[in-house]
Structure formats: structure tokens, C-alpha cells
């Protein structure tokens, strides 16, 4: 039949697709850059400053 080749390809896609997606997400999570202590303090200070200042509406 004509569809048998496509069926095998589709089965391979259904099996390998989630595996590849999992690997990409895992790679991204493991490579995510963490803030240093100094950067974390600077981020917290900037957040506090942003909450203290009134919003500037244009």
C-alpha cells in the first residue's frame, strides 16, 4: 500500500519527537545562568526602587 512508508515515518516521529523535546528542555534548564550574590542583591535593590517610585504615565 502507499501509506505504509508514511506510517513508519509517523511512528518514528511520534516516538522520537518527545525524546528530542525533552532533551532540548533539559539542556536549556541545565545551561540556565544563575545570578551571583552581587547580582541578586542588585536585582532586589532595583525591584524595591521600582516599587517605591510612582508610575510615570505619559
PDB file of N, CA and C in Angstrom:
ATOM      1  N   UNK A   1       0.832  -1.189   0.000  1.00  0.00           N
ATOM      2  CA  UNK A   1       0.000   0.000   0.000  1.00  0.00           C
ATOM      3  C   UNK A   1       0.877   1.252   0.000  1.00  0.00           C
ATOM      4  N   UNK A   2       0.276   2.358  -0.380  1.00  0.00           N
ATOM      5  CA  UNK A   2       1.018   3.608  -0.478  1.00  0.00           C
ATOM      6  C   UNK A   2       1.341   4.205   0.888  1.00  0.00           C
ATOM      7  N   UNK A   3       0.466   4.079   1.855  1.00  0.00           N
ATOM      8  CA  UNK A   3       0.616   4.749   3.140  1.00  0.00           C
ATOM      9  C   UNK A   3       1.539   4.059   4.120  1.00  0.00           C
ATOM     10  N   UNK A   4       2.049   2.885   3.798  1.00  0.00           N
ATOM     11  CA  UNK A   4       2.872   2.153   4.756  1.00  0.00           C
ATOM     12  C   UNK A   4       4.187   2.861   5.056  1.00  0.00           C
ATOM     13  N   UNK A   5       4.823   3.458   4.080  1.00  0.00           N
ATOM     14  CA  UNK A   5       6.062   4.196   4.309  1.00  0.00           C
ATOM     15  C   UNK A   5       5.835   5.402   5.190  1.00  0.00           C
ATOM     16  N   UNK A   6       4.737   6.084   4.945  1.00  0.00           N
ATOM     17  CA  UNK A   6       4.403   7.255   5.756  1.00  0.00           C
ATOM     18  C   UNK A   6       4.079   6.840   7.181  1.00  0.00           C
ATOM     19  N   UNK A   7       3.452   5.685   7.351  1.00  0.00           N
ATOM     20  CA  UNK A   7       3.096   5.195   8.675  1.00  0.00           C
ATOM     21  C   UNK A   7       4.348   4.951   9.515  1.00  0.00           C
ATOM     22  N   UNK A   8       5.380   4.390   8.911  1.00  0.00           N
ATOM     23  CA  UNK A   8       6.629   4.157   9.622  1.00  0.00           C
ATOM     24  C   UNK A   8       7.291   5.461  10.018  1.00  0.00           C
ATOM     25  N   UNK A   9       7.269   6.422   9.098  1.00  0.00           N
ATOM     26  CA  UNK A   9       7.835   7.742   9.390  1.00  0.00           C
ATOM     27  C   UNK A   9       7.071   8.408  10.524  1.00  0.00           C
ATOM     28  N   UNK A  10       5.741   8.305  10.485  1.00  0.00           N
ATOM     29  CA  UNK A  10       4.920   8.927  11.517  1.00  0.00           C
ATOM     30  C   UNK A  10       5.182   8.276  12.875  1.00  0.00           C
ATOM     31  N   UNK A  11       5.315   6.972  12.905  1.00  0.00           N
ATOM     32  CA  UNK A  11       5.613   6.271  14.158  1.00  0.00           C
ATOM     33  C   UNK A  11       6.956   6.726  14.721  1.00  0.00           C
ATOM     34  N   UNK A  12       7.944   6.862  13.858  1.00  0.00           N
ATOM     35  CA  UNK A  12       9.262   7.326  14.277  1.00  0.00           C
ATOM     36  C   UNK A  12       9.176   8.750  14.830  1.00  0.00           C
ATOM     37  N   UNK A  13       8.392   9.588  14.181  1.00  0.00           N
ATOM     38  CA  UNK A  13       8.214  10.970  14.627  1.00  0.00           C
ATOM     39  C   UNK A  13       7.537  11.021  15.994  1.00  0.00           C
ATOM     40  N   UNK A  14       6.520  10.202  16.180  1.00  0.00           N
ATOM     41  CA  UNK A  14       5.783  10.189  17.447  1.00  0.00           C
ATOM     42  C   UNK A  14       6.669   9.686  18.585  1.00  0.00           C
ATOM     43  N   UNK A  15       7.556   8.762  18.288  1.00  0.00           N
ATOM     44  CA  UNK A  15       8.439   8.221  19.323  1.00  0.00           C
ATOM     45  C   UNK A  15       9.602   9.170  19.606  1.00  0.00           C
ATOM     46  N   UNK A  16      10.254   9.664  18.572  1.00  0.00           N
ATOM     47  CA  UNK A  16      11.450  10.489  18.752  1.00  0.00           C
ATOM     48  C   UNK A  16      11.142  11.946  19.105  1.00  0.00           C
ATOM     49  N   UNK A  17       9.992  12.446  18.689  1.00  0.00           N
ATOM     50  CA  UNK A  17       9.632  13.844  18.953  1.00  0.00           C
ATOM     51  C   UNK A  17       9.680  14.208  20.428  1.00  0.00           C
ATOM     52  N   UNK A  18       8.965  13.482  21.278  1.00  0.00           N
ATOM     53  CA  UNK A  18       9.010  13.803  22.712  1.00  0.00           C
ATOM     54  C   UNK A  18      10.395  13.626  23.329  1.00  0.00           C
ATOM     55  N   UNK A  19      11.162  12.657  22.843  1.00  0.00           N
ATOM     56  CA  UNK A  19      12.513  12.447  23.368  1.00  0.00           C
ATOM     57  C   UNK A  19      13.397  13.642  23.033  1.00  0.00           C
ATOM     58  N   UNK A  20      13.328  14.108  21.795  1.00  0.00           N
ATOM     59  CA  UNK A  20      14.121  15.271  21.381  1.00  0.00           C
ATOM     60  C   UNK A  20      13.673  16.513  22.151  1.00  0.00           C
ATOM     61  N   UNK A  21      12.377  16.699  22.292  1.00  0.00           N
ATOM     62  CA  UNK A  21      11.852  17.844  23.038  1.00  0.00           C
ATOM     63  C   UNK A  21      12.333  17.819  24.488  1.00  0.00           C
ATOM     64  N   UNK A  22      12.285  16.663  25.115  1.00  0.00           N
ATOM     65  CA  UNK A  22      12.769  16.523  26.489  1.00  0.00           C
ATOM     66  C   UNK A  22      14.246  16.883  26.586  1.00  0.00           C
ATOM     67  N   UNK A  23      15.040  16.411  25.641  1.00  0.00           N
ATOM     68  CA  UNK A  23      16.480  16.696  25.653  1.00  0.00           C
ATOM     69  C   UNK A  23      16.755  18.192  25.495  1.00  0.00           C
ATOM     70  N   UNK A  24      16.011  18.862  24.628  1.00  0.00           N
ATOM     71  CA  UNK A  24      16.198  20.302  24.422  1.00  0.00           C
ATOM     72  C   UNK A  24      15.823  21.077  25.685  1.00  0.00           C
ATOM     73  N   UNK A  25      14.703  20.722  26.305  1.00  0.00           N
ATOM     74  CA  UNK A  25      14.281  21.405  27.533  1.00  0.00           C
ATOM     75  C   UNK A  25      15.280  21.144  28.657  1.00  0.00           C
ATOM     76  N   UNK A  26      15.745  19.911  28.785  1.00  0.00           N
ATOM     77  CA  UNK A  26      16.732  19.577  29.806  1.00  0.00           C
ATOM     78  C   UNK A  26      18.022  20.360  29.593  1.00  0.00           C
ATOM     79  N   UNK A  27      18.464  20.455  28.363  1.00  0.00           N
ATOM     80  CA  UNK A  27      19.675  21.215  28.041  1.00  0.00           C
ATOM     81  C   UNK A  27      19.505  22.681  28.430  1.00  0.00           C
ATOM     82  N   UNK A  28      18.346  23.261  28.105  1.00  0.00           N
ATOM     83  CA  UNK A  28      18.099  24.673  28.424  1.00  0.00           C
ATOM     84  C   UNK A  28      18.076  24.901  29.936  1.00  0.00           C
ATOM     85  N   UNK A  29      17.469  23.995  30.674  1.00  0.00           N
ATOM     86  CA  UNK A  29      17.396  24.144  32.129  1.00  0.00           C
ATOM     87  C   UNK A  29      18.778  24.012  32.751  1.00  0.00           C
ATOM     88  N   UNK A  30      19.562  23.070  32.274  1.00  0.00           N
ATOM     89  CA  UNK A  30      20.894  22.865  32.840  1.00  0.00           C
ATOM     90  C   UNK A  30      21.861  23.987  32.477  1.00  0.00           C
ATOM     91  N   UNK A  31      21.665  24.640  31.355  1.00  0.00           N
ATOM     92  CA  UNK A  31      22.561  25.707  30.906  1.00  0.00           C
ATOM     93  C   UNK A  31      22.135  27.082  31.404  1.00  0.00           C
ATOM     94  N   UNK A  32      20.986  27.164  32.080  1.00  0.00           N
ATOM     95  CA  UNK A  32      20.488  28.457  32.551  1.00  0.00           C
ATOM     96  C   UNK A  32      21.494  29.081  33.503  1.00  0.00           C
ATOM     97  N   UNK A  33      21.771  30.347  33.280  1.00  0.00           N
ATOM     98  CA  UNK A  33      22.765  31.051  34.088  1.00  0.00           C
ATOM     99  C   UNK A  33      22.144  31.494  35.394  1.00  0.00           C
ATOM    100  N   UNK A  34      22.810  31.223  36.471  1.00  0.00           N
ATOM    101  CA  UNK A  34      22.352  31.624  37.803  1.00  0.00           C
ATOM    102  C   UNK A  34      22.942  32.995  38.152  1.00  0.00           C
ATOM    103  N   UNK A  35      22.203  33.759  38.959  1.00  0.00           N
ATOM    104  CA  UNK A  35      22.699  35.058  39.409  1.00  0.00           C
ATOM    105  C   UNK A  35      23.742  34.858  40.502  1.00  0.00           C
ATOM    106  N   UNK A  36      24.769  35.689  40.462  1.00  0.00           N
ATOM    107  CA  UNK A  36      25.744  35.690  41.552  1.00  0.00           C
ATOM    108  C   UNK A  36      25.125  36.418  42.738  1.00  0.00           C
ATOM    109  N   UNK A  37      25.769  36.346  43.885  1.00  0.00           N
ATOM    110  CA  UNK A  37      25.248  37.012  45.083  1.00  0.00           C
ATOM    111  C   UNK A  37      25.142  38.518  44.855  1.00  0.00           C
ATOM    112  N   UNK A  38      26.153  39.097  44.218  1.00  0.00           N
ATOM    113  CA  UNK A  38      26.148  40.540  43.947  1.00  0.00           C
ATOM    114  C   UNK A  38      25.009  40.913  42.988  1.00  0.00           C
ATOM    115  N   UNK A  39      24.805  40.105  41.961  1.00  0.00           N
ATOM    116  CA  UNK A  39      23.726  40.381  41.007  1.00  0.00           C
ATOM    117  C   UNK A  39      22.362  40.236  41.670  1.00  0.00           C
ATOM    118  N   UNK A  40      22.239  39.275  42.581  1.00  0.00           N
ATOM    119  CA  UNK A  40      20.975  39.068  43.278  1.00  0.00           C
ATOM    120  C   UNK A  40      20.641  40.273  44.165  1.00  0.00           C
ATOM    121  N   UNK A  41      21.634  40.801  44.859  1.00  0.00           N
ATOM    122  CA  UNK A  41      21.434  41.987  45.703  1.00  0.00           C
ATOM    123  C   UNK A  41      21.042  43.183  44.835  1.00  0.00           C
ATOM    124  N   UNK A  42      21.717  43.354  43.702  1.00  0.00           N
ATOM    125  CA  UNK A  42      21.404  44.467  42.798  1.00  0.00           C
ATOM    126  C   UNK A  42      19.993  44.331  42.234  1.00  0.00           C
ATOM    127  N   UNK A  43      19.591  43.118  41.920  1.00  0.00           N
ATOM    128  CA  UNK A  43      18.243  42.886  41.401  1.00  0.00           C
ATOM    129  C   UNK A  43      17.197  43.220  42.466  1.00  0.00           C
ATOM    130  N   UNK A  44      17.424  42.776  43.694  1.00  0.00           N
ATOM    131  CA  UNK A  44      16.485  43.078  44.777  1.00  0.00           C
ATOM    132  C   UNK A  44      16.383  44.578  45.030  1.00  0.00           C
ATOM    133  N   UNK A  45      17.521  45.276  44.990  1.00  0.00           N
ATOM    134  CA  UNK A  45      17.512  46.725  45.202  1.00  0.00           C
ATOM    135  C   UNK A  45      16.749  47.431  44.084  1.00  0.00           C
ATOM    136  N   UNK A  46      16.943  47.000  42.865  1.00  0.00           N
ATOM    137  CA  UNK A  46      16.238  47.612  41.735  1.00  0.00           C
ATOM    138  C   UNK A  46      14.740  47.346  41.821  1.00  0.00           C
ATOM    139  N   UNK A  47      14.363  46.168  42.278  1.00  0.00           N
ATOM    140  CA  UNK A  47      12.943  45.850  42.434  1.00  0.00           C
ATOM    141  C   UNK A  47      12.316  46.727  43.509  1.00  0.00           C
ATOM    142  N   UNK A  48      12.994  46.861  44.633  1.00  0.00           N
ATOM    143  CA  UNK A  48      12.491  47.730  45.710  1.00  0.00           C
ATOM    144  C   UNK A  48      12.351  49.166  45.227  1.00  0.00           C
ATOM    145  N   UNK A  49      13.345  49.654  44.491  1.00  0.00           N
ATOM    146  CA  UNK A  49      13.319  51.015  43.963  1.00  0.00           C
ATOM    147  C   UNK A  49      12.147  51.187  42.994  1.00  0.00           C
ATOM    148  N   UNK A  50      11.897  50.189  42.175  1.00  0.00           N
ATOM    149  CA  UNK A  50      10.803  50.271  41.202  1.00  0.00           C
ATOM    150  C   UNK A  50       9.446  50.304  41.903  1.00  0.00           C
ATOM    151  N   UNK A  51       9.315  49.580  43.005  1.00  0.00           N
ATOM    152  CA  UNK A  51       8.047  49.580  43.729  1.00  0.00           C
ATOM    153  C   UNK A  51       7.846  50.867  44.520  1.00  0.00           C
ATOM    154  N   UNK A  52       8.922  51.504  44.962  1.00  0.00           N
ATOM    155  CA  UNK A  52       8.811  52.744  45.728  1.00  0.00           C
ATOM    156  C   UNK A  52       8.467  53.938  44.847  1.00  0.00           C
ATOM    157  N   UNK A  53       8.988  53.971  43.631  1.00  0.00           N
ATOM    158  CA  UNK A  53       8.754  55.109  42.739  1.00  0.00           C
ATOM    159  C   UNK A  53       7.349  55.026  42.150  1.00  0.00           C
ATOM    160  N   UNK A  54       6.667  56.172  42.076  1.00  0.00           N
ATOM    161  CA  UNK A  54       5.338  56.158  41.454  1.00  0.00           C
ATOM    162  C   UNK A  54       5.457  55.920  39.946  1.00  0.00           C
ATOM    163  N   UNK A  55       4.399  55.367  39.396  1.00  0.00           N
ATOM    164  CA  UNK A  55       4.406  55.116  37.950  1.00  0.00           C
ATOM    165  C   UNK A  55       4.372  56.430  37.196  1.00  0.00           C
ATOM    166  N   UNK A  56       5.098  56.460  36.108  1.00  0.00           N
ATOM    167  CA  UNK A  56       5.121  57.646  35.260  1.00  0.00           C
ATOM    168  C   UNK A  56       4.208  57.386  34.071  1.00  0.00           C
ATOM    169  N   UNK A  57       3.059  58.047  34.063  1.00  0.00           N
ATOM    170  CA  UNK A  57       2.105  57.876  32.972  1.00  0.00           C
ATOM    171  C   UNK A  57       2.343  58.952  31.927  1.00  0.00           C
ATOM    172  N   UNK A  58       2.381  58.553  30.676  1.00  0.00           N
ATOM    173  CA  UNK A  58       2.594  59.526  29.589  1.00  0.00           C
ATOM    174  C   UNK A  58       1.285  60.021  29.066  1.00  0.00           C
TER     175      UNK A  58
END
